[in-house]
Every structure is written in C-alpha cells, then in structure tokens.
Amino acid sequence: MRKRMLLFIFPVAAGLFFWTWHGEEQVSYNRDIRPIINQKCISCHGGVKQSGGFSLLFESEAKMPTESGKPAIIPGKAHASEMVSRLVHEDPEMRMPLGKDPLSPSEIDLIKKWINQGANWEKHWAYIAPDKNIPLPTVSPDLHPTNGIDHFVFGKLAEMDLAPNPPASKEILLRRLALDITGIPPSLEDYASFQADRSPDAYEKAVDRLLDSPHFGEKWAAFWMDLARYADSKGYEKDLHREIWKYRDWLIEAFNQDMPFDKFTIAQLAGDLLPNPTERDLLATAFHRNTMANDEGGTNDEEFRVAAVMERVGTTFEVWQGTTMACVQCHSHPYDPIRHEDFYKSLAFFNNTRDKDLYNEQPKIFTYEPEDREKVGQLLKWINERLDPDDRLPEISEQFLHRQKEDLLYNLGLRRVEAEEFQDKSRFIELVGHDQASIWQVQDSSWIMFEQVDLSNVSSISLGYASLTGAKVEIRLDSILGKKIGEGTFGVTGSGFPANRPEQWKTLTVPIQHVDGKRDLYYYFKKDRIFAQDLVRVDWLYYQEKSPRKDRYPRELQEKLNALQHVKPIETPILRELPENQARKTNVFERGDWRTKGAEVQAGIPEIMGTLSEANPDRMDLATWLVGDENPLTARVMVNRIWEQLFGFGLVESLEDFGSQGIPPTHPELLDWLAVTFRDELNWSVKSLIKTIVLSTTYRQQSTVSDEKLKKDPYNHYLSRGSRTRLPAETIRDQALAISGLLNPALKGPSVMPYQPEHIISFGGKFWNKSEGDAAYRRAVYTYWKRTHPYPSMVTFDNPSREVCTSRRIRTNTPLQSLVLLNDPVFLEAATAWAERILDEYETDVKTGIEKNLQLITAQEPDEKKVAVLHRLYEESLAYYQEEGAHLDEDPKLAAMRLVSNAMFNLDEFVTRR
C-alpha cells in the first residue's frame, strides 16, 4: 500500500514542482532578455555589424554556428553556450560586451535561465496581433469613468497611488476642444452659449458641432501634410514650383467627409489601380508625388527617380507601420528583424510607376476649378451639339472633363501640345524657372521626345519659339539617330530676354515626310552659325493636319473651339503604373548604391510582418494588406497619431518607431484596445475615434499639477492630469487672425503668400508674390510652402521644412518665438485689427473692453490683476503717444491699444493649449 502511495505521490509532486518552477521562473524574451540585448549586445551583434559571425537579430542566426564553428547559444545548455562563457570571462579582452562595463550578475543570471529554458524567442510586441477581447480594468465608480479609455488610464494611476484630476472648467474645455478639433478658438458668443447650456449632453453636443465644422478638415490635414511631406515646391537647389495643392484639398475633404481610414489608405497608395478610378482617386495618389525632384541641369534623371522611389518605401512604412525602414536600403536593420533584401522587395511595389524625375512631372491629372469647370462643360456641350454625328463625343460627363476636351480638339485637328510636356529628354534640357511653361537651355545636340504621336494625317509641324542666336531642329523617328522626316532653322527673335522672358515669340513650320501610324518623335536641336548654351526657347508644338475636320465648320464654332483650347487646367502630378511590357526589374542595391545591382527580387513584405498570398502582388495588394485584419500595426500606429494630436504625446512616444529601439507604450493594453475599437467597432472612422477620446474623463481633466504628480508623473505620460502643450504653428497663427477678426474662412483653393520681408523673398531670385486683400489672411494650412525658404514664423514655431516625412514635431520654447509674436507683420496686423474692434465697441470704457476680450485668450473669466496690468499698460502707452511719442502715430488711442492687444498675444495662455 505504501509503495503504491509513493508511486502516486511522486509524479504528482514532480508535476507540481515543474509547474511551480515553470510558472514562477519562466523568463520572457520580450520582457526580460530583449531589453538587455538591445542595450548591451545588438550594436555589435545585429543587422549591420555581426562580430564573430554572431547575430542576435534573428532566432535562426543566433542559434547558427559562429565563425568559431560552434553556436553561441545552445538551447537548454547555458553552461555549454559560448555566449554565457564570454559574458562571465575574467579576461577583459575576451569578456563581452567588449570594452564596456560587464553585465550585472542579475542580467547574466536571467540569460542563463532563458537559455536553460530553451532560449525561446518571441516576436517584438508590435508584430503580435492585439487581443480582440481585452478586459477593462476595474476602477472605482467614484472616478466617473466615461468609457474604456478611463478604465485603462485610471487603473494605471491606481498602481502608482495617484488619482485623476477633476474635470476642467467649461470654458477651458471648450477652448481645448475647439483648438484640438478645428484649430480655431471659440468666440465670446460660443463661450456664453456653452455656459448657458445646462443639459446633460451639452459637452457632447459641442463635440459634435466641432466635428461637423468644415474647418475640421483644415486642422487635421496639417499633421498628415507633415507625413506626406507636402510642399508647393520640388526641393533641391532650384526648388521650383510644383502645382499640387489639389492634393491638399483632397485631404481636407477626406477628413471632413470622415473617409474611412482603410479607404483613405488605399486611395493614396493605389487609387490609380482601383476599378474605374475617379478624379478624386487619382488626386489622392499625389501623396507619393510629394517626393522631391531635382530640376538641376545635368543631373541623372534615373538616379533621382530611384531616390524618390526609395523615399516612398521609407515613408510608407513610417506612416502606416511606425517602422524605420529607410536604413534598410543600405544594410539589414540594425535592431529589428528586417533584412536588407526586404527593402527592395518593398521597393518593387513602387518601382513601376511612370514618373521619372522629369521637369514636367508626368504623369498628371488635369482638372478645373468650379468656374472654369462650368465654362469648359458649357463650351463642350455647345460645340458637341453642333458637330456632325461622326465628330461628336458620345457624351459629356462631369468626370475627366479635360480628357473629353482634349479628345474633341484632337479629333477636329486642333493638335497643339505644350513643348514642356515631353516624355523624355537629353540631360541638359531645362524649363524656364519662373513658370516652367517653355523649354530652355537647349544646347547643341540636345533633344526632347514625345511618345507614340499619330502622324498619319500630319503634313507639317509648327513650333512656337524665341531665340537670341538662331538654331536648327531635326525631327526624327524612334531615336535621335532615327529616320529624319523634317528639319528647319530658327531665326533670331530678339537681342535679349528681360527677366529671362522673351518679348517676342515666332513660329517655325517644318514640313515632314508622310508617316503612317504612331511613332516616337524626337526633336534634335543643333547650333546654326553660333554656338551657345541657350540656343532656343520652345513654347509649343502644333501638328498641322492636311485636312483637319475643324475647317468644315463655320467661324463661330471655330471661335468656340479656340476659346475652349485656351481654358487652362490645373495640373497635379499623380501615380500611374507602367504597362506590363514596360515593367522594370527590381534588384537589391549593394550598400544602397543604385549603380551596384545585386540579385533580382520580386515584390513582397518583410517576413516578420507576414506574407502576401498573391503570386505577383502590386501596390493595391500592399495597400490592402496594410489595412487588412492580419496587419497588427496600421491601426495601432494611426490611433497613436490621433492620441498624440490630442494629448501632445503618443501612447508610444516615438511615433515614427514602434520597433525594438522605440519607446515602449505607457499603456500597451489601452493602445491595443483603441486599435481594435478603431478598426472593428468604429470601422476606421477617424471622427468617431476622436469623439471617443475627447468624451473620456481622461481628456477632460484639469491641467493643474500637484507636487506628488510632478514627482511621480513629471511629463504627464500616465495622464494624471489634463495635458498642457505648446500649440502648433498653424493654430497660433490662425488663432491670432480669428481673435482679431481678420481670418478669411474660405475653404480650399491655391496656396497663398502672406507678407514676407523683401530680403527673404529675393534670395536666389524673387519667387514670392504677396497675396492681395483678404487672401493673405487665409488659414495657415494654405500658406505657400517652399522647401528651401519655408515660411519663417511657422518654422520658428517648429514646422518642419518637409523635405522628408515627419511623424512628430519637436516642440520648443525659445526667445525667438516671443520676438515673432511681438514683431511679425501678421501678428502686428492682427493686433491692430483687434485693437480697432475693442475701441469701436468700448470707446468709453476701455478697461471693460480689455476685460471682455481677454477671455478670447485665457478662456476663463479674466483675472482682475491681469486686467489691471493691461489697463495700466494702455494708460501709460496712451500718455506716451499723446506727448513725447506723438510723432510716431496719428492715432494715440489705437497705438496704445495695439500695444495691449499685442501683449495679450504674448501671454502664455495664447500659445498654450490647457
């Protein structure tokens, strides 16, 4: 009996011992080992440097034989593992990490235990799909949690022996909401109305009203423009104008319409590959045409095409995956399990777009603004109704109006082509910088090429030109040495080009030989009697048909055709895929050098991120995968970006890096809960996500701080209080214009150019033409953005120059910012307009005027001490301008009040969101 009892007890005891040991002592690679490796080992044993043939980046590599022929890690045998031996070696020349302090005994003990337990690897948390059923932590109902956010935040605070702050006052909350959601502060009427609304849902109604505002899209487009590296210029040394503001308008409209984020993603990365893409779908793809382009003469177009494609890979992974992919173009990732070839597999998705660093930025979509759109539509309908049945367009539709216009004109024989719209060129062909509307720097033996021109009925080709020296042109088929079908001589049109603009243009008509069908057409330029760097300017080409159909119609119709032809469209660069027979091959670039090609690769994603089931995936497959259920990162990254916009920092502070070197999330369960909620319950609705966050009790806290909270949560990463952050540059500018009454609320349209000092706008040639009237007071999101000369006051308040994707702005607090608020013309103009308004409304009681208007800055009922100080400033300034400073201003009262309003713009409350 005793023997049988022992036989029973022994396995039970052994099992209990095993499970107790296993449960209590199990070492987690992510929790315990990865931090040690990332801090102490990976710099010498990672993707770039693999000392001794030992890499800890991939499990397979870590357990392979090293240069010594033996593996450094033998699972289950820490005593036999070279890694452990080297960590405890007594010789400093042999001990690891080499030349640095040894690991602590506790760290070495953890590594030994981990190896003895099997050296089990784990994926980094960011690559693991979030749990779809995360339980909400239990918190006291006395804390009044509103939604799941509060449960996670308050639960964490309880662990820190902290409690959340009470709600902020209604006025502070309204200003916080307005600046966060629309970027425009409340008016005095808004404050009064909100205070008067005592209904239980007053706050939620205010949230809904702000989310429905057309200015919502303007505010939220700004952070995405940083990610999209949006600019109105191309970058590099010349930094010429780029007409791409229609993408910004698309962005504003997408946010206003609450376009689901999955569709928002697909449209920008692969809108051109959608079935029957619309104009809006194509405009969205301008996201990746914001890459810089080099218009310098003599540069290699292929080199900068490749540079742009590489940048698109890095940007895509940073924006949607929070992954630092850019470094992988030269070598495997130093810290994350992403191999060198993975970069080029990803590059293959973007390598077959048609763009190739040409001046003219083809391919483009041509659209019209409402007034011109109506004009073109009416002209098309009028002309189409009077054409013979064989010449008519099948129908006139709202979509792709310019394409219909071009088809109609082409069919009737009106075949004018802008010379700058070539498909290829020799190295030294450039465009005239001020408008890029004609080619120049045409040197001896330079050429331009147009693809697949139908010459079947063409008898001659006319060229609009200007020249100081004269030149020759040969027209050839299929190559610059192909069959010559015509030649002509340009004459001299003038003795100079004032401001680089010809005063007179002439026409050269070149008869050509008969050619059937479509052929590539080369215009090969040669010197005449004088050799010069700038032989000729060419503005346009016209293919003269033998018997154009237009000649059969009366003069009135031909005048309408001429009017139709001269309505100028808006040209926006977009993505378009090359046809299959022109598809490029993609190779690994050794050390990232585009000239040194390694093995050919096919499109794919990094193995650590999953797989694509399609045999030959394209950009659409990539975009669909990014927002698919199997991708764990996209939703996390986006909710983190939204969180940062509302709280000043992300749950993962390193917005651009969710990898092993990124800053770990402060609330990992909350991040996952939000990601799952955003994707599965809110159906990718950005507005619904914002509403969920701002309705939380967490968001509504006061921003005051106690000594205890300052000690335990100094940077408010754990949200023990309401966030207090410096406002972004756009909001600071818009706030001043709104408070003063100068703000022009017009939506969308071309970029505007507010005042800038002459010495700035004349540097490298004048490019800035100040906008007239109230156009200069449009919202900051519409300010013209030139990469080499970004708008100074906004850069001072931390706007990036947008050469590259910027995930987070680094907030600063500098004396220069105060000088901008005191002296920048826009803030002085706003201060003047505000002063005039205060004096008009409170001419006999200036102190009350100051008191009432101070609330526009502080949100709260004005502090009597501040009012007294400001009123004293007014009286002292008034006395000065009435006596010794009388010669400085004709209106002493306005001058004095201007100083007061300018001082209010310099209060901490003005630049801070509380």
Foldseek 3Di string as FASTA:
>chain_A
DVVVVCVVVVVVVVVVVVVVCCVPPPAACQPQPLVCCVVFNLLQADWPHNPQQAHPFDPVSQQAQGVVRHHQADALCLVPHVVLCQLPPPDQCRHPPRPDDGDDPVSSVSVSSCRNNGVDDDAHPLLDFFDLDDDFADDDCVLVWDDSVCSLLQVVCVVVVFGFFFFDDQLLLQQLLLCLQQLAGDDLVVLVVLVPDPDPCSVVVSLVVSLLDLSRLVNVLVLVCLLLLDAQFQDDDLRFGAQLQVLSQLSSVCSNVLPFVLVLLLLCQPLVVPVPRFPSSFSSVCSLVSAHFDQDFQDDLQVVQLVSLLQVLQSVCLQQFLARCSQLLQIADSHHRFGNVQSLLASLQVQFWLAGRAPVQPPWAWAADPVLLVVLLVLLVVLQVPDDPVLHDPDQDSTSSVVNLVSSCVQQQFFKFWPSPFSDWDRRWGADRQPSQKIWLQFAFIKTKHFFDAQQFFFKKKWKKAFQAKWKKWKAWPDPPHHTFWMDIDDHDDNDAVVNHDPDIDMDIITGDHDHGTTMMMITIHGDPDGDSIGMMTRMMGGGGPDGNNVVDDPVSVVSSVVSVPSGTRIHNGTDGDPPVPRDWTFRAHSSDPVRGDHTDAHWHGVSNPTQPDPRDHSSSVSCVSLDSSGNRRLLLVLQLSVCSSFVAGLFRSSSHPDSPGRDGPRVSSSSNLSSCCVPVVVSRPSVSNSVVCPTSLQRFAADDDPVCCVSPVQCSSSSGHHKFFRALQSLLSHLCSLLVLEDADDGDAAAAADDDPVLQCVVHHNGDHDDDSSNRYGPSRHRQRLVRGDPLNVVQFDHSSNHNDNDTDGDDDVVNLVCLQDPVSNLVSLLSNLVVLCVVPVPNSLVSCQSSLCSQQSDRDDPVVSVVLVVQLVVQLVCCVPVVVVVDVDSNSVSSSVSSSVSSNDPSSRMSD
